[in-house]
Amino acid sequence: MEVIKITKKEASHLLDLSEDHFNDVKSRRIKPNKLQETFVAFANSDGGDLYIGIEDKSINT
């Protein structure tokens, strides 16, 4: 698996990302069957960006 290092600015942008129809974040602890639901939803729509390894903001507040 390729690992890409990002800058602090890029990390900050990802952490501030709002989830919507085109952007979704998932914890690294997500179970594969739950992750598959997101893949299928994106495949059945206009697609989007999925970021794995970012906790949902609602959990951290």
PDB file of N, CA and C in Angstrom:
ATOM      1  N   MET A   1       0.850  -1.162   0.000  1.00  0.00           N
ATOM      2  CA  MET A   1       0.000   0.000   0.000  1.00  0.00           C
ATOM      3  C   MET A   1       0.899   1.229   0.000  1.00  0.00           C
ATOM      4  N   GLU A   2       0.583   2.166  -0.850  1.00  0.00           N
ATOM      5  CA  GLU A   2       1.346   3.403  -0.937  1.00  0.00           C
ATOM      6  C   GLU A   2       0.936   4.345   0.196  1.00  0.00           C
ATOM      7  N   VAL A   3       1.920   4.926   0.848  1.00  0.00           N
ATOM      8  CA  VAL A   3       1.687   5.903   1.909  1.00  0.00           C
ATOM      9  C   VAL A   3       2.115   7.266   1.382  1.00  0.00           C
ATOM     10  N   ILE A   4       1.220   8.225   1.502  1.00  0.00           N
ATOM     11  CA  ILE A   4       1.505   9.574   1.037  1.00  0.00           C
ATOM     12  C   ILE A   4       1.575  10.493   2.243  1.00  0.00           C
ATOM     13  N   LYS A   5       2.690  11.179   2.409  1.00  0.00           N
ATOM     14  CA  LYS A   5       2.821  12.135   3.510  1.00  0.00           C
ATOM     15  C   LYS A   5       2.196  13.456   3.078  1.00  0.00           C
ATOM     16  N   ILE A   6       1.476  14.077   3.996  1.00  0.00           N
ATOM     17  CA  ILE A   6       0.837  15.349   3.691  1.00  0.00           C
ATOM     18  C   ILE A   6       1.395  16.428   4.618  1.00  0.00           C
ATOM     19  N   THR A   7       1.216  17.658   4.186  1.00  0.00           N
ATOM     20  CA  THR A   7       1.689  18.787   4.980  1.00  0.00           C
ATOM     21  C   THR A   7       0.711  19.071   6.113  1.00  0.00           C
ATOM     22  N   LYS A   8       1.141  19.889   7.070  1.00  0.00           N
ATOM     23  CA  LYS A   8       0.255  20.288   8.161  1.00  0.00           C
ATOM     24  C   LYS A   8      -0.946  21.053   7.628  1.00  0.00           C
ATOM     25  N   LYS A   9      -0.735  21.847   6.586  1.00  0.00           N
ATOM     26  CA  LYS A   9      -1.833  22.608   5.978  1.00  0.00           C
ATOM     27  C   LYS A   9      -2.859  21.658   5.358  1.00  0.00           C
ATOM     28  N   GLU A  10      -2.386  20.632   4.666  1.00  0.00           N
ATOM     29  CA  GLU A  10      -3.294  19.646   4.063  1.00  0.00           C
ATOM     30  C   GLU A  10      -4.046  18.870   5.143  1.00  0.00           C
ATOM     31  N   ALA A  11      -3.348  18.512   6.230  1.00  0.00           N
ATOM     32  CA  ALA A  11      -3.995  17.791   7.333  1.00  0.00           C
ATOM     33  C   ALA A  11      -5.078  18.652   7.965  1.00  0.00           C
ATOM     34  N   SER A  12      -4.784  19.930   8.158  1.00  0.00           N
ATOM     35  CA  SER A  12      -5.765  20.845   8.736  1.00  0.00           C
ATOM     36  C   SER A  12      -6.995  20.955   7.843  1.00  0.00           C
ATOM     37  N   HIS A  13      -6.764  21.019   6.538  1.00  0.00           N
ATOM     38  CA  HIS A  13      -7.882  21.107   5.579  1.00  0.00           C
ATOM     39  C   HIS A  13      -8.758  19.854   5.677  1.00  0.00           C
ATOM     40  N   LEU A  14      -8.150  18.688   5.760  1.00  0.00           N
ATOM     41  CA  LEU A  14      -8.922  17.449   5.857  1.00  0.00           C
ATOM     42  C   LEU A  14      -9.710  17.378   7.157  1.00  0.00           C
ATOM     43  N   LEU A  15      -9.106  17.834   8.257  1.00  0.00           N
ATOM     44  CA  LEU A  15      -9.800  17.792   9.541  1.00  0.00           C
ATOM     45  C   LEU A  15     -10.957  18.777   9.600  1.00  0.00           C
ATOM     46  N   ASP A  16     -10.891  19.843   8.802  1.00  0.00           N
ATOM     47  CA  ASP A  16     -11.961  20.835   8.758  1.00  0.00           C
ATOM     48  C   ASP A  16     -13.027  20.504   7.719  1.00  0.00           C
ATOM     49  N   LEU A  17     -12.822  19.428   6.977  1.00  0.00           N
ATOM     50  CA  LEU A  17     -13.720  19.042   5.894  1.00  0.00           C
ATOM     51  C   LEU A  17     -15.121  18.757   6.418  1.00  0.00           C
ATOM     52  N   SER A  18     -16.107  19.304   5.756  1.00  0.00           N
ATOM     53  CA  SER A  18     -17.501  19.026   6.107  1.00  0.00           C
ATOM     54  C   SER A  18     -17.993  17.852   5.284  1.00  0.00           C
ATOM     55  N   GLU A  19     -18.651  16.921   5.949  1.00  0.00           N
ATOM     56  CA  GLU A  19     -19.209  15.793   5.229  1.00  0.00           C
ATOM     57  C   GLU A  19     -20.463  16.237   4.486  1.00  0.00           C
ATOM     58  N   ASP A  20     -20.586  15.763   3.252  1.00  0.00           N
ATOM     59  CA  ASP A  20     -21.747  16.064   2.435  1.00  0.00           C
ATOM     60  C   ASP A  20     -21.917  14.942   1.413  1.00  0.00           C
ATOM     61  N   HIS A  21     -22.617  15.221   0.324  1.00  0.00           N
ATOM     62  CA  HIS A  21     -22.873  14.186  -0.681  1.00  0.00           C
ATOM     63  C   HIS A  21     -21.608  13.754  -1.411  1.00  0.00           C
ATOM     64  N   PHE A  22     -20.567  14.575  -1.366  1.00  0.00           N
ATOM     65  CA  PHE A  22     -19.348  14.285  -2.122  1.00  0.00           C
ATOM     66  C   PHE A  22     -18.129  14.032  -1.247  1.00  0.00           C
ATOM     67  N   ASN A  23     -18.243  14.236   0.043  1.00  0.00           N
ATOM     68  CA  ASN A  23     -17.129  14.027   0.967  1.00  0.00           C
ATOM     69  C   ASN A  23     -17.605  13.235   2.173  1.00  0.00           C
ATOM     70  N   ASP A  24     -16.795  12.240   2.553  1.00  0.00           N
ATOM     71  CA  ASP A  24     -17.140  11.440   3.715  1.00  0.00           C
ATOM     72  C   ASP A  24     -15.858  11.041   4.426  1.00  0.00           C
ATOM     73  N   VAL A  25     -15.885  11.032   5.745  1.00  0.00           N
ATOM     74  CA  VAL A  25     -14.747  10.578   6.535  1.00  0.00           C
ATOM     75  C   VAL A  25     -15.185   9.371   7.355  1.00  0.00           C
ATOM     76  N   LYS A  26     -14.260   8.454   7.541  1.00  0.00           N
ATOM     77  CA  LYS A  26     -14.532   7.238   8.310  1.00  0.00           C
ATOM     78  C   LYS A  26     -13.360   6.959   9.233  1.00  0.00           C
ATOM     79  N   SER A  27     -13.661   6.461  10.406  1.00  0.00           N
ATOM     80  CA  SER A  27     -12.639   6.060  11.359  1.00  0.00           C
ATOM     81  C   SER A  27     -11.834   4.900  10.789  1.00  0.00           C
ATOM     82  N   ARG A  28     -10.608   4.778  11.234  1.00  0.00           N
ATOM     83  CA  ARG A  28      -9.803   3.627  10.798  1.00  0.00           C
ATOM     84  C   ARG A  28     -10.316   2.331  11.405  1.00  0.00           C
ATOM     85  N   ARG A  29     -11.204   2.450  12.392  1.00  0.00           N
ATOM     86  CA  ARG A  29     -11.782   1.268  13.059  1.00  0.00           C
ATOM     87  C   ARG A  29     -13.042   0.754  12.355  1.00  0.00           C
ATOM     88  N   ILE A  30     -13.431   1.355  11.242  1.00  0.00           N
ATOM     89  CA  ILE A  30     -14.666   0.957  10.570  1.00  0.00           C
ATOM     90  C   ILE A  30     -14.570  -0.498  10.102  1.00  0.00           C
ATOM     91  N   LYS A  31     -15.655  -1.200  10.236  1.00  0.00           N
ATOM     92  CA  LYS A  31     -15.707  -2.590   9.785  1.00  0.00           C
ATOM     93  C   LYS A  31     -15.885  -2.601   8.261  1.00  0.00           C
ATOM     94  N   PRO A  32     -15.264  -3.568   7.596  1.00  0.00           N
ATOM     95  CA  PRO A  32     -15.333  -3.615   6.131  1.00  0.00           C
ATOM     96  C   PRO A  32     -16.751  -3.597   5.559  1.00  0.00           C
ATOM     97  N   ASN A  33     -17.700  -4.282   6.197  1.00  0.00           N
ATOM     98  CA  ASN A  33     -19.060  -4.301   5.655  1.00  0.00           C
ATOM     99  C   ASN A  33     -19.715  -2.921   5.737  1.00  0.00           C
ATOM    100  N   LYS A  34     -19.365  -2.123   6.758  1.00  0.00           N
ATOM    101  CA  LYS A  34     -19.905  -0.761   6.852  1.00  0.00           C
ATOM    102  C   LYS A  34     -19.232   0.148   5.822  1.00  0.00           C
ATOM    103  N   LEU A  35     -17.958  -0.077   5.574  1.00  0.00           N
ATOM    104  CA  LEU A  35     -17.240   0.710   4.580  1.00  0.00           C
ATOM    105  C   LEU A  35     -17.792   0.426   3.183  1.00  0.00           C
ATOM    106  N   GLN A  36     -18.160  -0.824   2.949  1.00  0.00           N
ATOM    107  CA  GLN A  36     -18.725  -1.207   1.661  1.00  0.00           C
ATOM    108  C   GLN A  36     -20.004  -0.423   1.364  1.00  0.00           C
ATOM    109  N   GLU A  37     -20.796  -0.131   2.377  1.00  0.00           N
ATOM    110  CA  GLU A  37     -22.021   0.643   2.172  1.00  0.00           C
ATOM    111  C   GLU A  37     -21.705   2.015   1.582  1.00  0.00           C
ATOM    112  N   THR A  38     -20.636   2.642   2.057  1.00  0.00           N
ATOM    113  CA  THR A  38     -20.244   3.946   1.534  1.00  0.00           C
ATOM    114  C   THR A  38     -19.757   3.823   0.096  1.00  0.00           C
ATOM    115  N   PHE A  39     -18.948   2.798  -0.191  1.00  0.00           N
ATOM    116  CA  PHE A  39     -18.481   2.589  -1.563  1.00  0.00           C
ATOM    117  C   PHE A  39     -19.658   2.419  -2.521  1.00  0.00           C
ATOM    118  N   VAL A  40     -20.633   1.634  -2.114  1.00  0.00           N
ATOM    119  CA  VAL A  40     -21.803   1.386  -2.962  1.00  0.00           C
ATOM    120  C   VAL A  40     -22.603   2.675  -3.151  1.00  0.00           C
ATOM    121  N   ALA A  41     -22.772   3.445  -2.088  1.00  0.00           N
ATOM    122  CA  ALA A  41     -23.515   4.709  -2.200  1.00  0.00           C
ATOM    123  C   ALA A  41     -22.821   5.659  -3.163  1.00  0.00           C
ATOM    124  N   PHE A  42     -21.499   5.758  -3.080  1.00  0.00           N
ATOM    125  CA  PHE A  42     -20.764   6.624  -4.004  1.00  0.00           C
ATOM    126  C   PHE A  42     -20.847   6.089  -5.431  1.00  0.00           C
ATOM    127  N   ALA A  43     -20.780   4.765  -5.577  1.00  0.00           N
ATOM    128  CA  ALA A  43     -20.840   4.169  -6.915  1.00  0.00           C
ATOM    129  C   ALA A  43     -22.204   4.380  -7.562  1.00  0.00           C
ATOM    130  N   ASN A  44     -23.246   4.444  -6.749  1.00  0.00           N
ATOM    131  CA  ASN A  44     -24.596   4.628  -7.274  1.00  0.00           C
ATOM    132  C   ASN A  44     -24.979   6.095  -7.420  1.00  0.00           C
ATOM    133  N   SER A  45     -24.042   6.983  -7.179  1.00  0.00           N
ATOM    134  CA  SER A  45     -24.320   8.418  -7.305  1.00  0.00           C
ATOM    135  C   SER A  45     -23.246   9.047  -8.184  1.00  0.00           C
ATOM    136  N   ASP A  46     -22.969  10.299  -7.938  1.00  0.00           N
ATOM    137  CA  ASP A  46     -21.959  11.012  -8.727  1.00  0.00           C
ATOM    138  C   ASP A  46     -20.551  10.811  -8.183  1.00  0.00           C
ATOM    139  N   GLY A  47     -20.383   9.900  -7.230  1.00  0.00           N
ATOM    140  CA  GLY A  47     -19.062   9.646  -6.666  1.00  0.00           C
ATOM    141  C   GLY A  47     -18.744  10.611  -5.548  1.00  0.00           C
ATOM    142  N   GLY A  48     -17.490  10.671  -5.188  1.00  0.00           N
ATOM    143  CA  GLY A  48     -17.060  11.566  -4.130  1.00  0.00           C
ATOM    144  C   GLY A  48     -15.713  11.150  -3.596  1.00  0.00           C
ATOM    145  N   ASP A  49     -15.314  11.789  -2.523  1.00  0.00           N
ATOM    146  CA  ASP A  49     -14.041  11.505  -1.883  1.00  0.00           C
ATOM    147  C   ASP A  49     -14.294  10.884  -0.520  1.00  0.00           C
ATOM    148  N   LEU A  50     -13.606   9.789  -0.252  1.00  0.00           N
ATOM    149  CA  LEU A  50     -13.737   9.080   1.008  1.00  0.00           C
ATOM    150  C   LEU A  50     -12.380   9.089   1.694  1.00  0.00           C
ATOM    151  N   TYR A  51     -12.347   9.580   2.923  1.00  0.00           N
ATOM    152  CA  TYR A  51     -11.113   9.657   3.694  1.00  0.00           C
ATOM    153  C   TYR A  51     -11.228   8.715   4.875  1.00  0.00           C
ATOM    154  N   ILE A  52     -10.355   7.719   4.917  1.00  0.00           N
ATOM    155  CA  ILE A  52     -10.374   6.729   5.984  1.00  0.00           C
ATOM    156  C   ILE A  52      -9.253   7.058   6.967  1.00  0.00           C
ATOM    157  N   GLY A  53      -9.585   7.065   8.242  1.00  0.00           N
ATOM    158  CA  GLY A  53      -8.606   7.351   9.272  1.00  0.00           C
ATOM    159  C   GLY A  53      -8.864   8.670   9.969  1.00  0.00           C
ATOM    160  N   ILE A  54     -10.007   9.280   9.687  1.00  0.00           N
ATOM    161  CA  ILE A  54     -10.398  10.537  10.310  1.00  0.00           C
ATOM    162  C   ILE A  54     -11.664  10.296  11.112  1.00  0.00           C
ATOM    163  N   GLU A  55     -11.610  10.584  12.393  1.00  0.00           N
ATOM    164  CA  GLU A  55     -12.790  10.393  13.231  1.00  0.00           C
ATOM    165  C   GLU A  55     -13.867  11.406  12.883  1.00  0.00           C
ATOM    166  N   ASP A  56     -15.103  10.989  12.982  1.00  0.00           N
ATOM    167  CA  ASP A  56     -16.248  11.863  12.746  1.00  0.00           C
ATOM    168  C   ASP A  56     -16.242  12.972  13.791  1.00  0.00           C
ATOM    169  N   LYS A  57     -16.461  14.202  13.376  1.00  0.00           N
ATOM    170  CA  LYS A  57     -16.451  15.342  14.297  1.00  0.00           C
ATOM    171  C   LYS A  57     -17.474  15.198  15.404  1.00  0.00           C
ATOM    172  N   SER A  58     -18.604  14.595  15.120  1.00  0.00           N
ATOM    173  CA  SER A  58     -19.653  14.468  16.134  1.00  0.00           C
ATOM    174  C   SER A  58     -19.225  13.573  17.284  1.00  0.00           C
ATOM    175  N   ILE A  59     -18.293  12.688  17.052  1.00  0.00           N
ATOM    176  CA  ILE A  59     -17.791  11.803  18.098  1.00  0.00           C
ATOM    177  C   ILE A  59     -16.831  12.569  19.014  1.00  0.00           C
ATOM    178  N   ASN A  60     -16.087  13.504  18.437  1.00  0.00           N
ATOM    179  CA  ASN A  60     -15.058  14.218  19.186  1.00  0.00           C
ATOM    180  C   ASN A  60     -15.582  15.420  19.949  1.00  0.00           C
ATOM    181  N   THR A  61     -16.849  15.777  19.785  1.00  0.00           N
ATOM    182  CA  THR A  61     -17.368  16.959  20.468  1.00  0.00           C
ATOM    183  C   THR A  61     -18.175  16.581  21.674  1.00  0.00           C
TER     184      THR A  61
END
